[in-house]
């Protein structure tokens, strides 16, 4: 079981690096983007405020972390369910683990949607 926890931890960190690190590496500077837009004949102005960007970054980072934790908890709940051997208290515990992880995912998705809507209306 200890080896499984290490494997899940390595997998979670790998997914986090891919989801969080890839956009940072692939991002262009504002000057590069403005140069391309100006070459196309359009104007380049910065949209959004710094506060909105900070809040959006915090929400996105939090969503990724909670999503990874929820997936890991669903996997752990599945293992608990499989290894419960028909014991009703262990089965109920496993079902609760899976249920609470799914509810957490739904809450985070709703929070992300609501904050995105509010931030779009605030600018």
PDB file of N, CA and C in Angstrom:
ATOM      1  N   UNK A   1       0.829  -1.199   0.000  1.00  0.00           N
ATOM      2  CA  UNK A   1       0.000   0.000   0.000  1.00  0.00           C
ATOM      3  C   UNK A   1       0.873   1.262   0.000  1.00  0.00           C
ATOM      4  N   UNK A   2       2.019   1.195   0.676  1.00  0.00           N
ATOM      5  CA  UNK A   2       2.911   2.345   0.714  1.00  0.00           C
ATOM      6  C   UNK A   2       3.458   2.653  -0.681  1.00  0.00           C
ATOM      7  N   UNK A   3       3.744   1.614  -1.448  1.00  0.00           N
ATOM      8  CA  UNK A   3       4.235   1.797  -2.812  1.00  0.00           C
ATOM      9  C   UNK A   3       3.161   2.442  -3.685  1.00  0.00           C
ATOM     10  N   UNK A   4       1.908   2.069  -3.453  1.00  0.00           N
ATOM     11  CA  UNK A   4       0.804   2.645  -4.209  1.00  0.00           C
ATOM     12  C   UNK A   4       0.655   4.133  -3.914  1.00  0.00           C
ATOM     13  N   UNK A   5       0.808   4.514  -2.663  1.00  0.00           N
ATOM     14  CA  UNK A   5       0.719   5.933  -2.299  1.00  0.00           C
ATOM     15  C   UNK A   5       1.829   6.741  -2.971  1.00  0.00           C
ATOM     16  N   UNK A   6       3.029   6.178  -3.014  1.00  0.00           N
ATOM     17  CA  UNK A   6       4.132   6.871  -3.679  1.00  0.00           C
ATOM     18  C   UNK A   6       3.847   7.030  -5.172  1.00  0.00           C
ATOM     19  N   UNK A   7       3.308   5.979  -5.780  1.00  0.00           N
ATOM     20  CA  UNK A   7       2.984   6.024  -7.200  1.00  0.00           C
ATOM     21  C   UNK A   7       1.919   7.073  -7.487  1.00  0.00           C
ATOM     22  N   UNK A   8       0.897   7.139  -6.659  1.00  0.00           N
ATOM     23  CA  UNK A   8      -0.163   8.131  -6.832  1.00  0.00           C
ATOM     24  C   UNK A   8       0.389   9.540  -6.654  1.00  0.00           C
ATOM     25  N   UNK A   9       1.282   9.718  -5.681  1.00  0.00           N
ATOM     26  CA  UNK A   9       1.876  11.029  -5.446  1.00  0.00           C
ATOM     27  C   UNK A   9       2.709  11.476  -6.646  1.00  0.00           C
ATOM     28  N   UNK A  10       3.512  10.589  -7.184  1.00  0.00           N
ATOM     29  CA  UNK A  10       4.328  10.924  -8.359  1.00  0.00           C
ATOM     30  C   UNK A  10       3.433  11.251  -9.550  1.00  0.00           C
ATOM     31  N   UNK A  11       2.373  10.475  -9.735  1.00  0.00           N
ATOM     32  CA  UNK A  11       1.446  10.732 -10.831  1.00  0.00           C
ATOM     33  C   UNK A  11       0.771  12.095 -10.669  1.00  0.00           C
ATOM     34  N   UNK A  12       0.339  12.410  -9.438  1.00  0.00           N
ATOM     35  CA  UNK A  12      -0.335  13.687  -9.191  1.00  0.00           C
ATOM     36  C   UNK A  12       0.592  14.861  -9.463  1.00  0.00           C
ATOM     37  N   UNK A  13       1.839  14.768  -9.022  1.00  0.00           N
ATOM     38  CA  UNK A  13       2.779  15.849  -9.277  1.00  0.00           C
ATOM     39  C   UNK A  13       3.099  15.969 -10.764  1.00  0.00           C
ATOM     40  N   UNK A  14       3.157  14.856 -11.470  1.00  0.00           N
ATOM     41  CA  UNK A  14       3.404  14.896 -12.914  1.00  0.00           C
ATOM     42  C   UNK A  14       2.265  15.597 -13.644  1.00  0.00           C
ATOM     43  N   UNK A  15       1.047  15.266 -13.273  1.00  0.00           N
ATOM     44  CA  UNK A  15      -0.122  15.909 -13.887  1.00  0.00           C
ATOM     45  C   UNK A  15      -0.128  17.400 -13.557  1.00  0.00           C
ATOM     46  N   UNK A  16       0.207  17.743 -12.313  1.00  0.00           N
ATOM     47  CA  UNK A  16       0.234  19.152 -11.923  1.00  0.00           C
ATOM     48  C   UNK A  16       1.277  19.917 -12.716  1.00  0.00           C
ATOM     49  N   UNK A  17       2.440  19.326 -12.921  1.00  0.00           N
ATOM     50  CA  UNK A  17       3.469  19.999 -13.712  1.00  0.00           C
ATOM     51  C   UNK A  17       3.041  20.199 -15.150  1.00  0.00           C
ATOM     52  N   UNK A  18       2.375  19.213 -15.715  1.00  0.00           N
ATOM     53  CA  UNK A  18       1.913  19.342 -17.095  1.00  0.00           C
ATOM     54  C   UNK A  18       0.842  20.417 -17.199  1.00  0.00           C
ATOM     55  N   UNK A  19      -0.124  20.394 -16.282  1.00  0.00           N
ATOM     56  CA  UNK A  19      -1.229  21.347 -16.363  1.00  0.00           C
ATOM     57  C   UNK A  19      -0.806  22.763 -16.003  1.00  0.00           C
ATOM     58  N   UNK A  20       0.105  22.895 -15.056  1.00  0.00           N
ATOM     59  CA  UNK A  20       0.486  24.226 -14.604  1.00  0.00           C
ATOM     60  C   UNK A  20       1.713  24.752 -15.343  1.00  0.00           C
ATOM     61  N   UNK A  21       2.640  23.871 -15.690  1.00  0.00           N
ATOM     62  CA  UNK A  21       3.888  24.307 -16.297  1.00  0.00           C
ATOM     63  C   UNK A  21       3.809  24.549 -17.781  1.00  0.00           C
ATOM     64  N   UNK A  22       3.001  23.794 -18.496  1.00  0.00           N
ATOM     65  CA  UNK A  22       2.945  23.919 -19.948  1.00  0.00           C
ATOM     66  C   UNK A  22       2.475  25.295 -20.410  1.00  0.00           C
ATOM     67  N   UNK A  23       1.394  25.854 -19.839  1.00  0.00           N
ATOM     68  CA  UNK A  23       0.996  27.187 -20.299  1.00  0.00           C
ATOM     69  C   UNK A  23       2.049  28.246 -20.012  1.00  0.00           C
ATOM     70  N   UNK A  24       2.803  28.085 -18.919  1.00  0.00           N
ATOM     71  CA  UNK A  24       3.834  29.053 -18.579  1.00  0.00           C
ATOM     72  C   UNK A  24       4.974  28.991 -19.587  1.00  0.00           C
ATOM     73  N   UNK A  25       5.368  27.812 -19.976  1.00  0.00           N
ATOM     74  CA  UNK A  25       6.459  27.651 -20.927  1.00  0.00           C
ATOM     75  C   UNK A  25       6.054  28.136 -22.308  1.00  0.00           C
ATOM     76  N   UNK A  26       4.809  27.882 -22.711  1.00  0.00           N
ATOM     77  CA  UNK A  26       4.362  28.225 -24.058  1.00  0.00           C
ATOM     78  C   UNK A  26       3.891  29.671 -24.200  1.00  0.00           C
ATOM     79  N   UNK A  27       3.813  30.414 -23.102  1.00  0.00           N
ATOM     80  CA  UNK A  27       3.303  31.776 -23.149  1.00  0.00           C
ATOM     81  C   UNK A  27       4.292  32.691 -23.865  1.00  0.00           C
ATOM     82  N   UNK A  28       3.751  33.659 -24.585  1.00  0.00           N
ATOM     83  CA  UNK A  28       4.570  34.650 -25.248  1.00  0.00           C
ATOM     84  C   UNK A  28       4.516  35.935 -24.439  1.00  0.00           C
ATOM     85  N   UNK A  29       5.484  36.783 -24.657  1.00  0.00           N
ATOM     86  CA  UNK A  29       5.464  38.072 -23.976  1.00  0.00           C
ATOM     87  C   UNK A  29       4.458  38.981 -24.662  1.00  0.00           C
ATOM     88  N   UNK A  30       4.022  40.013 -23.942  1.00  0.00           N
ATOM     89  CA  UNK A  30       3.041  40.948 -24.487  1.00  0.00           C
ATOM     90  C   UNK A  30       3.600  41.655 -25.728  1.00  0.00           C
ATOM     91  N   UNK A  31       4.895  41.931 -25.716  1.00  0.00           N
ATOM     92  CA  UNK A  31       5.502  42.610 -26.866  1.00  0.00           C
ATOM     93  C   UNK A  31       5.422  41.737 -28.118  1.00  0.00           C
ATOM     94  N   UNK A  32       5.656  40.423 -27.974  1.00  0.00           N
ATOM     95  CA  UNK A  32       5.563  39.520 -29.124  1.00  0.00           C
ATOM     96  C   UNK A  32       4.147  39.474 -29.675  1.00  0.00           C
ATOM     97  N   UNK A  33       3.176  39.383 -28.767  1.00  0.00           N
ATOM     98  CA  UNK A  33       1.785  39.325 -29.199  1.00  0.00           C
ATOM     99  C   UNK A  33       1.388  40.626 -29.873  1.00  0.00           C
ATOM    100  N   UNK A  34       1.758  41.761 -29.280  1.00  0.00           N
ATOM    101  CA  UNK A  34       1.401  43.056 -29.863  1.00  0.00           C
ATOM    102  C   UNK A  34       2.062  43.262 -31.216  1.00  0.00           C
ATOM    103  N   UNK A  35       3.280  42.771 -31.379  1.00  0.00           N
ATOM    104  CA  UNK A  35       3.952  42.909 -32.662  1.00  0.00           C
ATOM    105  C   UNK A  35       3.198  42.140 -33.743  1.00  0.00           C
ATOM    106  N   UNK A  36       2.736  40.952 -33.421  1.00  0.00           N
ATOM    107  CA  UNK A  36       1.974  40.162 -34.388  1.00  0.00           C
ATOM    108  C   UNK A  36       0.637  40.783 -34.708  1.00  0.00           C
ATOM    109  N   UNK A  37      -0.024  41.326 -33.696  1.00  0.00           N
ATOM    110  CA  UNK A  37      -1.324  41.956 -33.910  1.00  0.00           C
ATOM    111  C   UNK A  37      -1.167  43.236 -34.719  1.00  0.00           C
ATOM    112  N   UNK A  38      -0.128  44.027 -34.407  1.00  0.00           N
ATOM    113  CA  UNK A  38       0.100  45.274 -35.142  1.00  0.00           C
ATOM    114  C   UNK A  38       0.438  44.996 -36.599  1.00  0.00           C
ATOM    115  N   UNK A  39       1.146  43.903 -36.841  1.00  0.00           N
ATOM    116  CA  UNK A  39       1.490  43.556 -38.221  1.00  0.00           C
ATOM    117  C   UNK A  39       0.239  43.203 -39.022  1.00  0.00           C
ATOM    118  N   UNK A  40      -0.795  42.718 -38.329  1.00  0.00           N
ATOM    119  CA  UNK A  40      -2.039  42.369 -39.007  1.00  0.00           C
ATOM    120  C   UNK A  40      -2.933  43.582 -39.215  1.00  0.00           C
ATOM    121  N   UNK A  41      -2.523  44.749 -38.702  1.00  0.00           N
ATOM    122  CA  UNK A  41      -3.280  45.972 -38.917  1.00  0.00           C
ATOM    123  C   UNK A  41      -4.250  46.313 -37.805  1.00  0.00           C
ATOM    124  N   UNK A  42      -4.236  45.570 -36.707  1.00  0.00           N
ATOM    125  CA  UNK A  42      -5.138  45.856 -35.590  1.00  0.00           C
ATOM    126  C   UNK A  42      -4.359  46.559 -34.490  1.00  0.00           C
ATOM    127  N   UNK A  43      -5.089  47.117 -33.544  1.00  0.00           N
ATOM    128  CA  UNK A  43      -4.427  47.774 -32.420  1.00  0.00           C
ATOM    129  C   UNK A  43      -4.251  46.771 -31.285  1.00  0.00           C
ATOM    130  N   UNK A  44      -3.260  47.022 -30.435  1.00  0.00           N
ATOM    131  CA  UNK A  44      -2.958  46.113 -29.329  1.00  0.00           C
ATOM    132  C   UNK A  44      -3.108  46.872 -28.022  1.00  0.00           C
ATOM    133  N   UNK A  45      -4.136  46.528 -27.276  1.00  0.00           N
ATOM    134  CA  UNK A  45      -4.333  47.139 -25.969  1.00  0.00           C
ATOM    135  C   UNK A  45      -4.466  46.035 -24.947  1.00  0.00           C
ATOM    136  N   UNK A  46      -4.037  46.317 -23.732  1.00  0.00           N
ATOM    137  CA  UNK A  46      -4.117  45.333 -22.657  1.00  0.00           C
ATOM    138  C   UNK A  46      -5.543  45.283 -22.139  1.00  0.00           C
ATOM    139  N   UNK A  47      -6.099  44.094 -22.014  1.00  0.00           N
ATOM    140  CA  UNK A  47      -7.456  43.939 -21.511  1.00  0.00           C
ATOM    141  C   UNK A  47      -7.405  43.358 -20.113  1.00  0.00           C
ATOM    142  N   UNK A  48      -8.363  43.764 -19.275  1.00  0.00           N
ATOM    143  CA  UNK A  48      -8.434  43.237 -17.912  1.00  0.00           C
ATOM    144  C   UNK A  48      -7.543  44.022 -16.976  1.00  0.00           C
ATOM    145  N   UNK A  49      -7.825  43.895 -15.711  1.00  0.00           N
ATOM    146  CA  UNK A  49      -7.034  44.573 -14.707  1.00  0.00           C
ATOM    147  C   UNK A  49      -6.124  43.577 -14.018  1.00  0.00           C
ATOM    148  N   UNK A  50      -5.178  44.099 -13.277  1.00  0.00           N
ATOM    149  CA  UNK A  50      -4.235  43.245 -12.569  1.00  0.00           C
ATOM    150  C   UNK A  50      -4.944  42.420 -11.506  1.00  0.00           C
ATOM    151  N   UNK A  51      -5.918  43.001 -10.832  1.00  0.00           N
ATOM    152  CA  UNK A  51      -6.649  42.271  -9.795  1.00  0.00           C
ATOM    153  C   UNK A  51      -7.389  41.093 -10.399  1.00  0.00           C
ATOM    154  N   UNK A  52      -8.031  41.299 -11.530  1.00  0.00           N
ATOM    155  CA  UNK A  52      -8.734  40.209 -12.199  1.00  0.00           C
ATOM    156  C   UNK A  52      -7.789  39.084 -12.595  1.00  0.00           C
ATOM    157  N   UNK A  53      -6.620  39.449 -13.080  1.00  0.00           N
ATOM    158  CA  UNK A  53      -5.649  38.436 -13.487  1.00  0.00           C
ATOM    159  C   UNK A  53      -5.148  37.644 -12.289  1.00  0.00           C
ATOM    160  N   UNK A  54      -4.913  38.311 -11.179  1.00  0.00           N
ATOM    161  CA  UNK A  54      -4.442  37.626  -9.974  1.00  0.00           C
ATOM    162  C   UNK A  54      -5.514  36.680  -9.447  1.00  0.00           C
ATOM    163  N   UNK A  55      -6.755  37.150  -9.410  1.00  0.00           N
ATOM    164  CA  UNK A  55      -7.854  36.301  -8.932  1.00  0.00           C
ATOM    165  C   UNK A  55      -8.046  35.108  -9.862  1.00  0.00           C
ATOM    166  N   UNK A  56      -7.981  35.348 -11.161  1.00  0.00           N
ATOM    167  CA  UNK A  56      -8.151  34.267 -12.122  1.00  0.00           C
ATOM    168  C   UNK A  56      -7.027  33.230 -11.997  1.00  0.00           C
ATOM    169  N   UNK A  57      -5.802  33.692 -11.823  1.00  0.00           N
ATOM    170  CA  UNK A  57      -4.674  32.767 -11.643  1.00  0.00           C
ATOM    171  C   UNK A  57      -4.838  31.950 -10.361  1.00  0.00           C
ATOM    172  N   UNK A  58      -5.269  32.602  -9.285  1.00  0.00           N
ATOM    173  CA  UNK A  58      -5.463  31.892  -8.013  1.00  0.00           C
ATOM    174  C   UNK A  58      -6.566  30.847  -8.141  1.00  0.00           C
ATOM    175  N   UNK A  59      -7.665  31.199  -8.776  1.00  0.00           N
ATOM    176  CA  UNK A  59      -8.773  30.257  -8.949  1.00  0.00           C
ATOM    177  C   UNK A  59      -8.355  29.089  -9.836  1.00  0.00           C
ATOM    178  N   UNK A  60      -7.637  29.365 -10.917  1.00  0.00           N
ATOM    179  CA  UNK A  60      -7.191  28.290 -11.804  1.00  0.00           C
ATOM    180  C   UNK A  60      -6.228  27.340 -11.102  1.00  0.00           C
ATOM    181  N   UNK A  61      -5.285  27.894 -10.346  1.00  0.00           N
ATOM    182  CA  UNK A  61      -4.340  27.064  -9.607  1.00  0.00           C
ATOM    183  C   UNK A  61      -5.057  26.223  -8.567  1.00  0.00           C
ATOM    184  N   UNK A  62      -5.971  26.840  -7.832  1.00  0.00           N
ATOM    185  CA  UNK A  62      -6.742  26.116  -6.816  1.00  0.00           C
ATOM    186  C   UNK A  62      -7.587  25.013  -7.457  1.00  0.00           C
ATOM    187  N   UNK A  63      -8.161  25.297  -8.609  1.00  0.00           N
ATOM    188  CA  UNK A  63      -8.990  24.304  -9.301  1.00  0.00           C
ATOM    189  C   UNK A  63      -8.173  23.093  -9.731  1.00  0.00           C
ATOM    190  N   UNK A  64      -6.975  23.325 -10.222  1.00  0.00           N
ATOM    191  CA  UNK A  64      -6.113  22.217 -10.631  1.00  0.00           C
ATOM    192  C   UNK A  64      -5.738  21.359  -9.428  1.00  0.00           C
ATOM    193  N   UNK A  65      -5.369  22.007  -8.332  1.00  0.00           N
ATOM    194  CA  UNK A  65      -4.984  21.267  -7.129  1.00  0.00           C
ATOM    195  C   UNK A  65      -6.154  20.442  -6.608  1.00  0.00           C
ATOM    196  N   UNK A  66      -7.324  21.057  -6.496  1.00  0.00           N
ATOM    197  CA  UNK A  66      -8.495  20.338  -5.997  1.00  0.00           C
ATOM    198  C   UNK A  66      -8.893  19.225  -6.958  1.00  0.00           C
ATOM    199  N   UNK A  67      -8.779  19.457  -8.249  1.00  0.00           N
ATOM    200  CA  UNK A  67      -9.096  18.416  -9.216  1.00  0.00           C
ATOM    201  C   UNK A  67      -8.198  17.203  -9.076  1.00  0.00           C
ATOM    202  N   UNK A  68      -6.916  17.437  -8.892  1.00  0.00           N
ATOM    203  CA  UNK A  68      -5.974  16.325  -8.711  1.00  0.00           C
ATOM    204  C   UNK A  68      -6.279  15.573  -7.424  1.00  0.00           C
ATOM    205  N   UNK A  69      -6.524  16.317  -6.344  1.00  0.00           N
ATOM    206  CA  UNK A  69      -6.843  15.675  -5.064  1.00  0.00           C
ATOM    207  C   UNK A  69      -8.130  14.862  -5.183  1.00  0.00           C
ATOM    208  N   UNK A  70      -9.115  15.394  -5.868  1.00  0.00           N
ATOM    209  CA  UNK A  70     -10.387  14.684  -6.010  1.00  0.00           C
ATOM    210  C   UNK A  70     -10.222  13.392  -6.807  1.00  0.00           C
ATOM    211  N   UNK A  71      -9.442  13.434  -7.866  1.00  0.00           N
ATOM    212  CA  UNK A  71      -9.207  12.221  -8.650  1.00  0.00           C
ATOM    213  C   UNK A  71      -8.481  11.179  -7.806  1.00  0.00           C
ATOM    214  N   UNK A  72      -7.494  11.608  -7.045  1.00  0.00           N
ATOM    215  CA  UNK A  72      -6.778  10.677  -6.167  1.00  0.00           C
ATOM    216  C   UNK A  72      -7.732  10.092  -5.130  1.00  0.00           C
ATOM    217  N   UNK A  73      -8.620  10.909  -4.575  1.00  0.00           N
ATOM    218  CA  UNK A  73      -9.575  10.411  -3.577  1.00  0.00           C
ATOM    219  C   UNK A  73     -10.574   9.437  -4.202  1.00  0.00           C
ATOM    220  N   UNK A  74     -10.966   9.666  -5.431  1.00  0.00           N
ATOM    221  CA  UNK A  74     -11.853   8.717  -6.113  1.00  0.00           C
ATOM    222  C   UNK A  74     -11.142   7.377  -6.312  1.00  0.00           C
ATOM    223  N   UNK A  75      -9.867   7.430  -6.685  1.00  0.00           N
ATOM    224  CA  UNK A  75      -9.094   6.196  -6.842  1.00  0.00           C
ATOM    225  C   UNK A  75      -8.960   5.477  -5.510  1.00  0.00           C
ATOM    226  N   UNK A  76      -8.656   6.208  -4.444  1.00  0.00           N
ATOM    227  CA  UNK A  76      -8.542   5.597  -3.118  1.00  0.00           C
ATOM    228  C   UNK A  76      -9.880   5.003  -2.689  1.00  0.00           C
ATOM    229  N   UNK A  77     -10.984   5.724  -2.943  1.00  0.00           N
ATOM    230  CA  UNK A  77     -12.310   5.202  -2.623  1.00  0.00           C
ATOM    231  C   UNK A  77     -12.614   3.931  -3.397  1.00  0.00           C
ATOM    232  N   UNK A  78     -12.171   3.871  -4.647  1.00  0.00           N
ATOM    233  CA  UNK A  78     -12.362   2.660  -5.447  1.00  0.00           C
ATOM    234  C   UNK A  78     -11.587   1.480  -4.877  1.00  0.00           C
ATOM    235  N   UNK A  79     -10.349   1.727  -4.456  1.00  0.00           N
ATOM    236  CA  UNK A  79      -9.574   0.653  -3.837  1.00  0.00           C
ATOM    237  C   UNK A  79     -10.201   0.208  -2.519  1.00  0.00           C
ATOM    238  N   UNK A  80     -10.695   1.181  -1.752  1.00  0.00           N
ATOM    239  CA  UNK A  80     -11.361   0.819  -0.496  1.00  0.00           C
ATOM    240  C   UNK A  80     -12.601  -0.023  -0.766  1.00  0.00           C
ATOM    241  N   UNK A  81     -13.318   0.310  -1.819  1.00  0.00           N
ATOM    242  CA  UNK A  81     -14.533  -0.432  -2.170  1.00  0.00           C
ATOM    243  C   UNK A  81     -14.199  -1.856  -2.613  1.00  0.00           C
ATOM    244  N   UNK A  82     -13.158  -1.969  -3.427  1.00  0.00           N
ATOM    245  CA  UNK A  82     -12.758  -3.290  -3.912  1.00  0.00           C
ATOM    246  C   UNK A  82     -12.268  -4.178  -2.773  1.00  0.00           C
ATOM    247  N   UNK A  83     -11.526  -3.596  -1.841  1.00  0.00           N
ATOM    248  CA  UNK A  83     -10.930  -4.385  -0.759  1.00  0.00           C
ATOM    249  C   UNK A  83     -11.804  -4.455   0.492  1.00  0.00           C
ATOM    250  N   UNK A  84     -13.064  -4.049   0.400  1.00  0.00           N
ATOM    251  CA  UNK A  84     -13.924  -4.038   1.587  1.00  0.00           C
ATOM    252  C   UNK A  84     -14.384  -5.435   1.999  1.00  0.00           C
ATOM    253  N   UNK A  85     -14.287  -6.402   1.131  1.00  0.00           N
ATOM    254  CA  UNK A  85     -14.665  -7.800   1.415  1.00  0.00           C
ATOM    255  C   UNK A  85     -16.105  -7.932   1.882  1.00  0.00           C
ATOM    256  N   UNK A  86     -16.964  -7.074   1.434  1.00  0.00           N
ATOM    257  CA  UNK A  86     -18.375  -7.163   1.772  1.00  0.00           C
ATOM    258  C   UNK A  86     -18.752  -6.613   3.131  1.00  0.00           C
ATOM    259  N   UNK A  87     -17.792  -6.098   3.892  1.00  0.00           N
ATOM    260  CA  UNK A  87     -18.091  -5.504   5.191  1.00  0.00           C
ATOM    261  C   UNK A  87     -18.867  -4.207   4.964  1.00  0.00           C
ATOM    262  N   UNK A  88     -20.068  -4.139   5.544  1.00  0.00           N
ATOM    263  CA  UNK A  88     -20.957  -3.014   5.243  1.00  0.00           C
ATOM    264  C   UNK A  88     -20.380  -1.669   5.680  1.00  0.00           C
ATOM    265  N   UNK A  89     -19.656  -1.607   6.785  1.00  0.00           N
ATOM    266  CA  UNK A  89     -19.095  -0.328   7.220  1.00  0.00           C
ATOM    267  C   UNK A  89     -17.974   0.124   6.291  1.00  0.00           C
ATOM    268  N   UNK A  90     -17.161  -0.817   5.804  1.00  0.00           N
ATOM    269  CA  UNK A  90     -16.095  -0.459   4.855  1.00  0.00           C
ATOM    270  C   UNK A  90     -16.673  -0.051   3.498  1.00  0.00           C
ATOM    271  N   UNK A  91     -17.730  -0.722   3.071  1.00  0.00           N
ATOM    272  CA  UNK A  91     -18.386  -0.369   1.814  1.00  0.00           C
ATOM    273  C   UNK A  91     -18.969   1.038   1.907  1.00  0.00           C
ATOM    274  N   UNK A  92     -19.618   1.336   3.018  1.00  0.00           N
ATOM    275  CA  UNK A  92     -20.210   2.670   3.202  1.00  0.00           C
ATOM    276  C   UNK A  92     -19.128   3.747   3.258  1.00  0.00           C
ATOM    277  N   UNK A  93     -18.018   3.442   3.910  1.00  0.00           N
ATOM    278  CA  UNK A  93     -16.906   4.395   3.971  1.00  0.00           C
ATOM    279  C   UNK A  93     -16.351   4.668   2.581  1.00  0.00           C
ATOM    280  N   UNK A  94     -16.204   3.622   1.774  1.00  0.00           N
ATOM    281  CA  UNK A  94     -15.699   3.795   0.413  1.00  0.00           C
ATOM    282  C   UNK A  94     -16.669   4.609  -0.434  1.00  0.00           C
ATOM    283  N   UNK A  95     -17.961   4.327  -0.308  1.00  0.00           N
ATOM    284  CA  UNK A  95     -18.958   5.087  -1.067  1.00  0.00           C
ATOM    285  C   UNK A  95     -18.952   6.558  -0.664  1.00  0.00           C
ATOM    286  N   UNK A  96     -18.808   6.817   0.638  1.00  0.00           N
ATOM    287  CA  UNK A  96     -18.750   8.205   1.109  1.00  0.00           C
ATOM    288  C   UNK A  96     -17.517   8.924   0.571  1.00  0.00           C
ATOM    289  N   UNK A  97     -16.383   8.234   0.508  1.00  0.00           N
ATOM    290  CA  UNK A  97     -15.162   8.837  -0.023  1.00  0.00           C
ATOM    291  C   UNK A  97     -15.371   9.250  -1.475  1.00  0.00           C
ATOM    292  N   UNK A  98     -15.940   8.358  -2.261  1.00  0.00           N
ATOM    293  CA  UNK A  98     -16.183   8.659  -3.676  1.00  0.00           C
ATOM    294  C   UNK A  98     -17.212   9.789  -3.818  1.00  0.00           C
ATOM    295  N   UNK A  99     -18.274   9.720  -3.036  1.00  0.00           N
ATOM    296  CA  UNK A  99     -19.323  10.743  -3.100  1.00  0.00           C
ATOM    297  C   UNK A  99     -18.789  12.122  -2.741  1.00  0.00           C
ATOM    298  N   UNK A 100     -18.017  12.207  -1.656  1.00  0.00           N
ATOM    299  CA  UNK A 100     -17.498  13.505  -1.226  1.00  0.00           C
ATOM    300  C   UNK A 100     -16.489  14.067  -2.232  1.00  0.00           C
ATOM    301  N   UNK A 101     -15.716  13.197  -2.877  1.00  0.00           N
ATOM    302  CA  UNK A 101     -14.778  13.670  -3.895  1.00  0.00           C
ATOM    303  C   UNK A 101     -15.531  14.241  -5.093  1.00  0.00           C
ATOM    304  N   UNK A 102     -16.607  13.581  -5.502  1.00  0.00           N
ATOM    305  CA  UNK A 102     -17.397  14.072  -6.635  1.00  0.00           C
ATOM    306  C   UNK A 102     -18.104  15.380  -6.278  1.00  0.00           C
ATOM    307  N   UNK A 103     -18.637  15.470  -5.061  1.00  0.00           N
ATOM    308  CA  UNK A 103     -19.276  16.709  -4.618  1.00  0.00           C
ATOM    309  C   UNK A 103     -18.253  17.852  -4.594  1.00  0.00           C
ATOM    310  N   UNK A 104     -17.031  17.553  -4.143  1.00  0.00           N
ATOM    311  CA  UNK A 104     -15.975  18.568  -4.151  1.00  0.00           C
ATOM    312  C   UNK A 104     -15.660  19.054  -5.549  1.00  0.00           C
ATOM    313  N   UNK A 105     -15.608  18.135  -6.503  1.00  0.00           N
ATOM    314  CA  UNK A 105     -15.378  18.531  -7.900  1.00  0.00           C
ATOM    315  C   UNK A 105     -16.493  19.421  -8.431  1.00  0.00           C
ATOM    316  N   UNK A 106     -17.720  19.074  -8.105  1.00  0.00           N
ATOM    317  CA  UNK A 106     -18.866  19.877  -8.565  1.00  0.00           C
ATOM    318  C   UNK A 106     -18.816  21.278  -7.961  1.00  0.00           C
ATOM    319  N   UNK A 107     -18.498  21.364  -6.672  1.00  0.00           N
ATOM    320  CA  UNK A 107     -18.429  22.673  -6.008  1.00  0.00           C
ATOM    321  C   UNK A 107     -17.335  23.532  -6.627  1.00  0.00           C
ATOM    322  N   UNK A 108     -16.179  22.948  -6.894  1.00  0.00           N
ATOM    323  CA  UNK A 108     -15.081  23.712  -7.495  1.00  0.00           C
ATOM    324  C   UNK A 108     -15.449  24.152  -8.908  1.00  0.00           C
ATOM    325  N   UNK A 109     -16.097  23.291  -9.676  1.00  0.00           N
ATOM    326  CA  UNK A 109     -16.509  23.672 -11.029  1.00  0.00           C
ATOM    327  C   UNK A 109     -17.513  24.824 -10.993  1.00  0.00           C
ATOM    328  N   UNK A 110     -18.452  24.762 -10.058  1.00  0.00           N
ATOM    329  CA  UNK A 110     -19.425  25.855  -9.928  1.00  0.00           C
ATOM    330  C   UNK A 110     -18.750  27.145  -9.478  1.00  0.00           C
ATOM    331  N   UNK A 111     -17.818  27.047  -8.536  1.00  0.00           N
ATOM    332  CA  UNK A 111     -17.111  28.239  -8.067  1.00  0.00           C
ATOM    333  C   UNK A 111     -16.294  28.870  -9.191  1.00  0.00           C
ATOM    334  N   UNK A 112     -15.658  28.031  -9.992  1.00  0.00           N
ATOM    335  CA  UNK A 112     -14.874  28.550 -11.109  1.00  0.00           C
ATOM    336  C   UNK A 112     -15.774  29.237 -12.135  1.00  0.00           C
ATOM    337  N   UNK A 113     -16.932  28.665 -12.401  1.00  0.00           N
ATOM    338  CA  UNK A 113     -17.873  29.261 -13.337  1.00  0.00           C
ATOM    339  C   UNK A 113     -18.402  30.595 -12.813  1.00  0.00           C
ATOM    340  N   UNK A 114     -18.764  30.618 -11.557  1.00  0.00           N
ATOM    341  CA  UNK A 114     -19.314  31.851 -10.966  1.00  0.00           C
ATOM    342  C   UNK A 114     -18.265  32.955 -10.947  1.00  0.00           C
ATOM    343  N   UNK A 115     -17.039  32.649 -10.527  1.00  0.00           N
ATOM    344  CA  UNK A 115     -16.010  33.688 -10.489  1.00  0.00           C
ATOM    345  C   UNK A 115     -15.651  34.156 -11.897  1.00  0.00           C
ATOM    346  N   UNK A 116     -15.651  33.253 -12.863  1.00  0.00           N
ATOM    347  CA  UNK A 116     -15.404  33.667 -14.241  1.00  0.00           C
ATOM    348  C   UNK A 116     -16.475  34.616 -14.747  1.00  0.00           C
ATOM    349  N   UNK A 117     -17.727  34.329 -14.403  1.00  0.00           N
ATOM    350  CA  UNK A 117     -18.833  35.207 -14.797  1.00  0.00           C
ATOM    351  C   UNK A 117     -18.715  36.575 -14.127  1.00  0.00           C
ATOM    352  N   UNK A 118     -18.412  36.573 -12.832  1.00  0.00           N
ATOM    353  CA  UNK A 118     -18.287  37.850 -12.099  1.00  0.00           C
ATOM    354  C   UNK A 118     -17.115  38.666 -12.629  1.00  0.00           C
ATOM    355  N   UNK A 119     -15.975  38.018 -12.878  1.00  0.00           N
ATOM    356  CA  UNK A 119     -14.825  38.751 -13.385  1.00  0.00           C
ATOM    357  C   UNK A 119     -15.075  39.304 -14.781  1.00  0.00           C
ATOM    358  N   UNK A 120     -15.815  38.571 -15.609  1.00  0.00           N
ATOM    359  CA  UNK A 120     -16.103  39.084 -16.944  1.00  0.00           C
ATOM    360  C   UNK A 120     -17.044  40.286 -16.893  1.00  0.00           C
ATOM    361  N   UNK A 121     -17.951  40.296 -15.931  1.00  0.00           N
ATOM    362  CA  UNK A 121     -18.870  41.431 -15.780  1.00  0.00           C
ATOM    363  C   UNK A 121     -18.211  42.623 -15.108  1.00  0.00           C
ATOM    364  N   UNK A 122     -17.150  42.367 -14.312  1.00  0.00           N
ATOM    365  CA  UNK A 122     -16.484  43.455 -13.583  1.00  0.00           C
ATOM    366  C   UNK A 122     -15.599  44.291 -14.504  1.00  0.00           C
ATOM    367  N   UNK A 123     -15.174  43.755 -15.632  1.00  0.00           N
ATOM    368  CA  UNK A 123     -14.288  44.525 -16.520  1.00  0.00           C
ATOM    369  C   UNK A 123     -15.058  45.161 -17.637  1.00  0.00           C
TER     370      UNK A 123
END
